[in-house]
C-alpha cells in the first residue's frame, strides 16, 4: 500500500516526521514555506 498524503494535528511536527521516517520508511519533502511571512507581502 502506498500512502501519498496524510493530514494530522500534532504538538511536535518534527517528532512526528521522525517517527514516520524511522518506523514506516516515510520520505519527507522540503516542507512548506509561507512566502507572505518570509517576504512581508503575498505574491
C-alpha atoms as a PDB file:
ATOM      1  CA  UNK A   1       0.000   0.000   0.000  1.00  0.00           C
ATOM      2  CA  UNK A   2       1.248   3.484  -0.846  1.00  0.00           C
ATOM      3  CA  UNK A   3       0.018   6.465   1.159  1.00  0.00           C
ATOM      4  CA  UNK A   4       0.834   9.680  -0.651  1.00  0.00           C
ATOM      5  CA  UNK A   5      -0.578  12.200   1.820  1.00  0.00           C
ATOM      6  CA  UNK A   6      -1.959  12.321   5.346  1.00  0.00           C
ATOM      7  CA  UNK A   7      -3.287  15.144   7.494  1.00  0.00           C
ATOM      8  CA  UNK A   8      -2.956  15.177  11.266  1.00  0.00           C
ATOM      9  CA  UNK A   9      -2.650  17.589  14.169  1.00  0.00           C
ATOM     10  CA  UNK A  10       0.439  17.147  16.359  1.00  0.00           C
ATOM     11  CA  UNK A  11       2.186  19.190  19.040  1.00  0.00           C
ATOM     12  CA  UNK A  12       5.669  18.409  17.719  1.00  0.00           C
ATOM     13  CA  UNK A  13       5.782  18.220  13.934  1.00  0.00           C
ATOM     14  CA  UNK A  14       9.464  17.258  13.762  1.00  0.00           C
ATOM     15  CA  UNK A  15       8.974  14.374  16.210  1.00  0.00           C
ATOM     16  CA  UNK A  16       6.001  13.109  14.188  1.00  0.00           C
ATOM     17  CA  UNK A  17       8.041  13.334  10.975  1.00  0.00           C
ATOM     18  CA  UNK A  18      10.944  11.470  12.595  1.00  0.00           C
ATOM     19  CA  UNK A  19       8.561   8.695  13.715  1.00  0.00           C
ATOM     20  CA  UNK A  20       7.188   8.171  10.207  1.00  0.00           C
ATOM     21  CA  UNK A  21      10.663   8.229   8.670  1.00  0.00           C
ATOM     22  CA  UNK A  22      12.149   5.820  11.225  1.00  0.00           C
ATOM     23  CA  UNK A  23       9.373   3.265  11.651  1.00  0.00           C
ATOM     24  CA  UNK A  24       7.321   3.478   8.454  1.00  0.00           C
ATOM     25  CA  UNK A  25      10.019   4.283   5.869  1.00  0.00           C
ATOM     26  CA  UNK A  26       8.461   7.702   5.251  1.00  0.00           C
ATOM     27  CA  UNK A  27      10.013  10.100   2.768  1.00  0.00           C
ATOM     28  CA  UNK A  28       9.705  13.762   3.830  1.00  0.00           C
ATOM     29  CA  UNK A  29       9.706  16.578   1.304  1.00  0.00           C
ATOM     30  CA  UNK A  30      11.340  20.008   1.657  1.00  0.00           C
ATOM     31  CA  UNK A  31       8.462  21.316   3.765  1.00  0.00           C
ATOM     32  CA  UNK A  32       6.079  24.212   3.431  1.00  0.00           C
ATOM     33  CA  UNK A  33       7.278  27.806   3.305  1.00  0.00           C
ATOM     34  CA  UNK A  34       4.847  30.689   3.752  1.00  0.00           C
ATOM     35  CA  UNK A  35       6.103  33.353   1.335  1.00  0.00           C
ATOM     36  CA  UNK A  36       3.787  36.001   2.830  1.00  0.00           C
ATOM     37  CA  UNK A  37       5.514  35.760   6.198  1.00  0.00           C
ATOM     38  CA  UNK A  38       9.040  35.498   4.864  1.00  0.00           C
ATOM     39  CA  UNK A  39       8.917  38.400   2.418  1.00  0.00           C
ATOM     40  CA  UNK A  40       6.266  40.551   4.104  1.00  0.00           C
ATOM     41  CA  UNK A  41       3.785  40.549   1.210  1.00  0.00           C
ATOM     42  CA  UNK A  42       1.924  37.900  -0.745  1.00  0.00           C
ATOM     43  CA  UNK A  43       2.691  37.392  -4.387  1.00  0.00           C
END
